[in-house]
């Protein structure tokens, strides 16, 4: 090589190695999710990933592990609090075993519509702030809430029309509050994680399923269950949590980036959830063999009356904080 060209080549190579290649992330955070990537909640996680990487100019990267690749939903609180994983998606009910008050959103028929739900679950809501503080005591900080939408009941052979149809049935539940609901109706609750639903229904581990329309579509539960009864008996909330010690280690700038992206993700999810649940319901009715059963007002009232003991069971378990939260929600109705 011509000696006069050598300095130019060296300078060009150095320039390419320093400037042309993308900068390495200053911090990479791993996030475990039990939800499929194609579910609206999975899509919301991907939105957060893109948003935080965009506003931090790549200084924070997020790696998402969907479909329970690393941990089941019930394992997330411990995995995050111990630092085994940086962040995790968790159904708020997973905390209700040790913090009964956190099961509020699964109390039967306590949230009659999206308006009441948004008031109770909004970032400035005293209901939410109280629950966030409880969860912080476990070593996990809540970054944002994800509105999953209303919960329905799935069945085989014959549809669920009357509360008496639940007598003696084994029913998949999400946690204690939904278990109290089933016991009030004379059924037998069986806790099964979201990622294990398909096999549980296929094998007949339970007689009745419990989940949302979006999960019924994305998890293809319509292939193993014949009917979905639209009860809207609970309004489920998922949380994205981060290890508390890790959060405290972040710089103020990193916290600001994470909070901005989290708020944007939560706002987007809450604006879209109702429409996506209705779209999934329409898909099930028109594109699958599953029959969608819509109850009359009189039929729904019968379900509400039959499940009233579940509200008192929640209050008994949660004590004064539970009574206070129920009173606050009822004032929002």
Protein backbone atom coordinates (compact mmCIF):
# COMPACT_ATOMS: atom_id res chain seq x y z
CA UNK A 1 0.00 0.00 0.00
CA UNK A 2 1.15 3.53 -0.79
CA UNK A 3 2.65 4.99 2.41
CA UNK A 4 0.91 8.33 1.75
CA UNK A 5 -2.49 6.58 1.85
CA UNK A 6 -1.86 4.60 5.04
CA UNK A 7 -2.71 7.42 7.52
CA UNK A 8 -5.95 8.09 5.63
CA UNK A 9 -6.98 4.42 5.70
CA UNK A 10 -6.15 4.17 9.41
CA UNK A 11 -8.15 7.31 10.19
CA UNK A 12 -11.10 6.05 8.13
CA UNK A 13 -11.08 2.67 9.90
CA UNK A 14 -10.97 4.36 13.31
CA UNK A 15 -13.81 6.66 12.30
CA UNK A 16 -15.97 3.74 11.19
CA UNK A 17 -15.31 1.78 14.36
CA UNK A 18 -16.20 4.74 16.58
CA UNK A 19 -18.93 6.51 14.70
CA UNK A 20 -20.52 4.38 12.03
CA UNK A 21 -21.55 1.46 14.24
CA UNK A 22 -24.47 1.90 16.66
CA UNK A 23 -23.61 2.81 20.22
CA UNK A 24 -23.83 0.04 22.79
CA UNK A 25 -26.58 0.39 25.38
CA UNK A 26 -25.49 1.73 28.74
CA UNK A 27 -28.07 -0.49 30.44
CA UNK A 28 -29.98 -3.58 29.29
CA UNK A 29 -33.08 -4.64 31.23
CA UNK A 30 -34.64 -8.10 30.94
CA UNK A 31 -38.43 -8.37 31.17
CA UNK A 32 -40.29 -11.66 31.70
CA UNK A 33 -43.86 -12.04 30.44
CA UNK A 34 -46.26 -14.98 30.45
CA UNK A 35 -48.36 -13.37 27.71
CA UNK A 36 -47.89 -14.15 23.98
CA UNK A 37 -46.25 -11.38 21.97
CA UNK A 38 -49.33 -11.14 19.71
CA UNK A 39 -51.71 -10.40 22.62
CA UNK A 40 -52.57 -6.68 23.11
CA UNK A 41 -50.63 -6.71 26.39
CA UNK A 42 -47.64 -8.28 24.63
CA UNK A 43 -47.88 -5.59 21.96
CA UNK A 44 -47.97 -2.95 24.70
CA UNK A 45 -44.72 -4.31 26.15
CA UNK A 46 -43.14 -4.02 22.71
CA UNK A 47 -44.39 -0.42 22.50
CA UNK A 48 -42.70 0.36 25.83
CA UNK A 49 -39.49 -1.26 24.62
CA UNK A 50 -39.46 0.88 21.47
CA UNK A 51 -40.42 4.03 23.37
CA UNK A 52 -37.77 3.81 26.09
CA UNK A 53 -35.07 2.97 23.54
CA UNK A 54 -36.19 5.92 21.42
CA UNK A 55 -36.27 8.57 24.14
CA UNK A 56 -33.04 7.34 25.74
CA UNK A 57 -31.35 7.33 22.33
CA UNK A 58 -30.48 3.67 22.83
CA UNK A 59 -28.89 4.09 26.25
CA UNK A 60 -31.53 1.82 27.77
CA UNK A 61 -32.37 -1.42 25.98
CA UNK A 62 -35.16 -3.83 26.96
CA UNK A 63 -35.18 -7.56 26.23
CA UNK A 64 -38.65 -9.14 26.42
CA UNK A 65 -39.10 -12.88 27.03
CA UNK A 66 -42.79 -13.66 26.24
CA UNK A 67 -45.03 -16.73 26.68
CA UNK A 68 -43.53 -17.77 30.05
CA UNK A 69 -40.15 -18.57 28.51
CA UNK A 70 -38.46 -17.68 31.80
CA UNK A 71 -41.16 -17.61 34.49
CA UNK A 72 -44.85 -18.40 34.92
CA UNK A 73 -47.06 -15.53 36.01
CA UNK A 74 -47.22 -16.80 39.59
CA UNK A 75 -43.41 -16.80 39.76
CA UNK A 76 -42.93 -13.20 38.60
CA UNK A 77 -43.29 -11.36 41.96
CA UNK A 78 -40.58 -13.46 43.60
CA UNK A 79 -38.35 -13.44 40.53
CA UNK A 80 -38.44 -9.63 40.34
CA UNK A 81 -38.15 -8.95 44.07
CA UNK A 82 -35.14 -11.28 44.34
CA UNK A 83 -33.42 -9.71 41.32
CA UNK A 84 -33.48 -12.97 39.33
CA UNK A 85 -35.10 -10.91 36.55
CA UNK A 86 -35.05 -7.11 36.23
CA UNK A 87 -38.67 -6.56 35.28
CA UNK A 88 -41.81 -8.62 34.94
CA UNK A 89 -45.41 -8.61 33.84
CA UNK A 90 -47.69 -9.74 36.65
CA UNK A 91 -51.40 -10.07 37.20
CA UNK A 92 -52.16 -7.89 40.21
CA UNK A 93 -54.02 -10.84 41.79
CA UNK A 94 -50.69 -12.66 42.18
CA UNK A 95 -50.01 -10.39 45.15
CA UNK A 96 -53.35 -11.15 46.83
CA UNK A 97 -52.03 -14.23 48.63
CA UNK A 98 -49.89 -12.07 50.91
CA UNK A 99 -51.62 -8.73 50.29
CA UNK A 100 -55.35 -9.55 50.10
CA UNK A 101 -56.34 -5.96 49.31
CA UNK A 102 -54.58 -6.16 45.92
CA UNK A 103 -57.31 -8.52 44.68
CA UNK A 104 -59.73 -5.58 44.45
CA UNK A 105 -60.13 -5.62 40.66
CA UNK A 106 -61.24 -9.25 40.62
CA UNK A 107 -64.02 -8.70 43.17
CA UNK A 108 -67.19 -9.81 41.38
CA UNK A 109 -69.17 -7.04 39.67
CA UNK A 110 -67.48 -4.22 41.63
CA UNK A 111 -66.57 -2.40 38.40
CA UNK A 112 -69.72 -2.10 36.26
CA UNK A 113 -68.10 -0.23 33.37
CA UNK A 114 -64.89 1.24 31.94
CA UNK A 115 -65.61 4.67 33.44
CA UNK A 116 -65.48 3.38 37.01
CA UNK A 117 -62.45 1.28 36.16
CA UNK A 118 -60.51 4.23 34.73
CA UNK A 119 -61.29 6.31 37.82
CA UNK A 120 -60.03 3.61 40.16
CA UNK A 121 -57.01 2.52 38.14
CA UNK A 122 -55.80 5.90 36.88
CA UNK A 123 -52.31 7.10 37.93
CA UNK A 124 -53.74 9.80 40.23
CA UNK A 125 -56.35 7.57 41.85
CA UNK A 126 -56.02 7.16 45.63
CA UNK A 127 -57.17 3.55 45.15
CA UNK A 128 -54.26 2.82 42.85
CA UNK A 129 -51.73 4.75 44.88
CA UNK A 130 -52.62 2.76 47.99
CA UNK A 131 -52.17 -0.53 46.12
CA UNK A 132 -48.87 0.61 44.60
CA UNK A 133 -47.56 1.39 48.08
CA UNK A 134 -48.52 -2.07 49.32
CA UNK A 135 -46.75 -3.75 46.42
CA UNK A 136 -43.64 -1.59 46.93
CA UNK A 137 -43.24 -3.27 50.33
CA UNK A 138 -42.57 -6.60 48.55
CA UNK A 139 -39.44 -5.26 46.87
CA UNK A 140 -41.06 -4.54 43.50
CA UNK A 141 -41.93 -1.09 42.20
CA UNK A 142 -44.89 -0.71 39.85
CA UNK A 143 -43.88 1.03 36.61
CA UNK A 144 -47.26 1.04 34.91
CA UNK A 145 -50.67 -0.63 34.89
CA UNK A 146 -52.09 -2.44 31.88
CA UNK A 147 -55.82 -2.62 31.40
CA UNK A 148 -56.50 -6.23 30.38
CA UNK A 149 -60.23 -5.79 30.09
CA UNK A 150 -63.27 -7.66 31.42
CA UNK A 151 -63.28 -11.35 32.31
CA UNK A 152 -65.71 -13.93 30.91
CA UNK A 153 -66.59 -17.60 31.48
CA UNK A 154 -65.84 -20.42 29.03
CA UNK A 155 -67.60 -23.79 28.87
CA UNK A 156 -67.99 -26.99 26.87
CA UNK A 157 -71.08 -29.00 25.93
CA UNK A 158 -73.58 -26.41 27.15
CA UNK A 159 -73.52 -22.65 27.76
CA UNK A 160 -73.50 -21.00 31.17
CA UNK A 161 -76.74 -19.02 31.48
CA UNK A 162 -77.75 -19.14 35.12
CA UNK A 163 -75.59 -18.99 38.27
CA UNK A 164 -76.92 -22.45 39.15
CA UNK A 165 -75.04 -23.78 36.11
CA UNK A 166 -71.83 -23.37 38.14
CA UNK A 167 -72.87 -25.79 40.87
CA UNK A 168 -70.21 -28.45 41.42
CA UNK A 169 -68.11 -27.31 38.43
CA UNK A 170 -64.32 -27.07 38.58
CA UNK A 171 -63.44 -23.57 37.41
CA UNK A 172 -60.13 -22.00 36.44
CA UNK A 173 -59.55 -18.90 38.59
CA UNK A 174 -56.93 -16.16 38.64
CA UNK A 175 -56.53 -15.85 42.39
CA UNK A 176 -58.42 -15.68 45.68
CA UNK A 177 -61.03 -13.02 44.78
CA UNK A 178 -62.11 -14.87 41.64
CA UNK A 179 -62.05 -18.05 43.72
CA UNK A 180 -64.43 -16.43 46.22
CA UNK A 181 -66.72 -15.58 43.29
CA UNK A 182 -66.81 -19.20 42.15
CA UNK A 183 -67.36 -20.53 45.67
CA UNK A 184 -70.30 -18.14 46.10
CA UNK A 185 -71.85 -19.77 43.03
CA UNK A 186 -71.28 -23.30 44.32
CA UNK A 187 -68.30 -24.11 42.11
CA UNK A 188 -64.82 -25.36 42.93
CA UNK A 189 -61.96 -22.93 42.12
CA UNK A 190 -58.73 -24.24 40.61
CA UNK A 191 -55.86 -21.77 40.14
CA UNK A 192 -54.28 -22.22 36.71
CA UNK A 193 -51.81 -19.83 35.09
CA UNK A 194 -52.68 -18.11 31.84
CA UNK A 195 -50.01 -19.98 29.88
CA UNK A 196 -51.40 -23.35 31.05
CA UNK A 197 -55.04 -22.70 30.13
CA UNK A 198 -55.11 -24.38 26.73
CA UNK A 199 -53.84 -27.72 28.03
CA UNK A 200 -56.06 -27.53 31.13
CA UNK A 201 -59.17 -27.07 29.00
CA UNK A 202 -58.10 -29.65 26.46
CA UNK A 203 -57.44 -32.28 29.14
CA UNK A 204 -60.55 -31.48 31.14
CA UNK A 205 -58.59 -30.44 34.21
CA UNK A 206 -61.40 -27.94 34.79
CA UNK A 207 -64.97 -27.78 33.49
CA UNK A 208 -65.17 -24.00 33.15
CA UNK A 209 -62.62 -21.45 31.99
CA UNK A 210 -62.16 -17.85 33.06
CA UNK A 211 -60.35 -15.28 30.92
CA UNK A 212 -60.87 -12.35 28.53
CA UNK A 213 -61.95 -12.33 24.90
CA UNK A 214 -58.51 -11.19 23.74
CA UNK A 215 -56.81 -14.14 25.44
CA UNK A 216 -59.45 -16.52 24.08
CA UNK A 217 -58.45 -15.34 20.61
CA UNK A 218 -54.66 -15.06 20.98
CA UNK A 219 -54.29 -18.34 22.93
CA UNK A 220 -56.72 -20.11 20.54
CA UNK A 221 -58.89 -21.25 23.44
CA UNK A 222 -61.83 -21.34 21.03
CA UNK A 223 -60.30 -24.55 19.69
CA UNK A 224 -60.87 -26.37 22.99
CA UNK A 225 -63.97 -24.62 24.45
CA UNK A 226 -67.42 -24.35 22.87
CA UNK A 227 -69.01 -21.36 24.60
CA UNK A 228 -68.02 -18.01 26.08
CA UNK A 229 -70.55 -16.26 28.32
CA UNK A 230 -70.11 -12.48 28.51
CA UNK A 231 -70.42 -11.80 32.24
CA UNK A 232 -67.88 -8.95 32.54
CA UNK A 233 -67.74 -9.95 36.20
CA UNK A 234 -64.23 -8.59 36.83
CA UNK A 235 -61.91 -5.97 35.34
CA UNK A 236 -58.42 -7.42 35.40
CA UNK A 237 -55.31 -5.29 35.67
CA UNK A 238 -51.78 -6.38 34.87
CA UNK A 239 -48.74 -4.57 36.26
CA UNK A 240 -45.23 -4.14 34.94
CA UNK A 241 -42.90 -4.17 37.93
CA UNK A 242 -39.18 -3.59 38.37
CA UNK A 243 -36.83 -4.72 41.12
CA UNK A 244 -36.89 -1.97 43.74
CA UNK A 245 -33.14 -1.99 44.41
CA UNK A 246 -32.45 -1.78 40.69
CA UNK A 247 -34.83 1.17 40.38
CA UNK A 248 -33.00 2.99 43.15
CA UNK A 249 -29.70 2.41 41.34
CA UNK A 250 -30.93 4.16 38.19
CA UNK A 251 -29.86 7.73 37.59
CA UNK A 252 -32.50 10.45 37.71
CA UNK A 253 -32.28 10.69 33.93
CA UNK A 254 -32.83 6.94 33.51
CA UNK A 255 -35.81 7.06 35.87
CA UNK A 256 -37.27 9.94 33.86
CA UNK A 257 -36.87 8.01 30.59
CA UNK A 258 -38.45 4.89 32.06
CA UNK A 259 -41.35 6.82 33.62
CA UNK A 260 -42.07 8.70 30.39
CA UNK A 261 -42.16 5.50 28.35
CA UNK A 262 -44.26 3.73 30.99
CA UNK A 263 -46.85 6.51 31.11
CA UNK A 264 -47.10 6.52 27.31
CA UNK A 265 -47.58 2.73 27.28
CA UNK A 266 -50.28 2.87 29.95
CA UNK A 267 -52.18 5.67 28.22
CA UNK A 268 -52.08 3.81 24.90
CA UNK A 269 -53.28 0.56 26.46
CA UNK A 270 -56.19 2.09 28.34
CA UNK A 271 -57.37 3.95 25.25
CA UNK A 272 -57.37 0.77 23.14
CA UNK A 273 -58.51 -2.00 25.48
CA UNK A 274 -62.28 -1.67 25.16
CA UNK A 275 -62.16 -1.68 21.36
CA UNK A 276 -59.77 -4.64 21.23
CA UNK A 277 -61.93 -6.70 23.59
CA UNK A 278 -65.00 -6.02 21.48
CA UNK A 279 -63.07 -6.83 18.30
CA UNK A 280 -61.96 -10.13 19.82
CA UNK A 281 -65.54 -10.91 20.83
CA UNK A 282 -66.69 -10.25 17.26
CA UNK A 283 -63.89 -12.45 15.91
CA UNK A 284 -64.95 -15.33 18.18
CA UNK A 285 -68.58 -14.96 17.10
CA UNK A 286 -67.94 -14.68 13.37
CA UNK A 287 -64.65 -16.45 12.63
CA UNK A 288 -64.67 -19.47 14.98
CA UNK A 289 -66.98 -22.31 16.02
CA UNK A 290 -67.26 -20.84 19.53
CA UNK A 291 -70.70 -19.51 20.47
CA UNK A 292 -70.77 -16.12 22.20
CA UNK A 293 -73.52 -15.98 24.82
CA UNK A 294 -74.76 -12.51 25.80
CA UNK A 295 -76.92 -12.36 28.92
CA UNK A 296 -80.01 -10.22 29.39
CA UNK A 297 -80.09 -7.57 32.12
CA UNK A 298 -82.29 -9.84 34.24
CA UNK A 299 -79.88 -12.75 33.85
CA UNK A 300 -76.89 -10.57 34.76
CA UNK A 301 -78.70 -9.30 37.82
CA UNK A 302 -79.13 -12.89 38.97
CA UNK A 303 -75.35 -13.44 38.67
CA UNK A 304 -74.66 -10.26 40.64
CA UNK A 305 -77.01 -11.23 43.46
CA UNK A 306 -75.61 -14.75 43.67
CA UNK A 307 -72.03 -13.47 43.85
CA UNK A 308 -72.59 -10.84 46.56
CA UNK A 309 -70.96 -13.05 49.26
CA UNK A 310 -67.69 -12.75 47.30
CA UNK A 311 -67.56 -9.01 48.03
CA UNK A 312 -67.83 -9.65 51.75
CA UNK A 313 -65.22 -12.43 51.49
CA UNK A 314 -62.79 -9.89 49.99
CA UNK A 315 -63.47 -7.41 52.79
CA UNK A 316 -63.06 -10.11 55.45
CA UNK A 317 -59.70 -11.13 53.99
CA UNK A 318 -58.39 -7.59 53.38
CA UNK A 319 -59.64 -6.05 56.62
CA UNK A 320 -59.97 -2.30 57.03
CA UNK A 321 -57.90 -1.46 53.90
CA UNK A 322 -60.23 -3.67 51.85
CA UNK A 323 -63.36 -2.04 53.23
CA UNK A 324 -61.87 1.39 52.54
CA UNK A 325 -61.04 0.47 48.94
CA UNK A 326 -64.49 -1.00 48.27
CA UNK A 327 -66.11 2.14 49.69
CA UNK A 328 -63.95 4.36 47.48
CA UNK A 329 -64.83 2.37 44.36
CA UNK A 330 -68.55 2.44 45.16
CA UNK A 331 -68.37 6.20 45.52
CA UNK A 332 -67.01 6.30 41.95
CA UNK A 333 -69.99 4.39 40.56
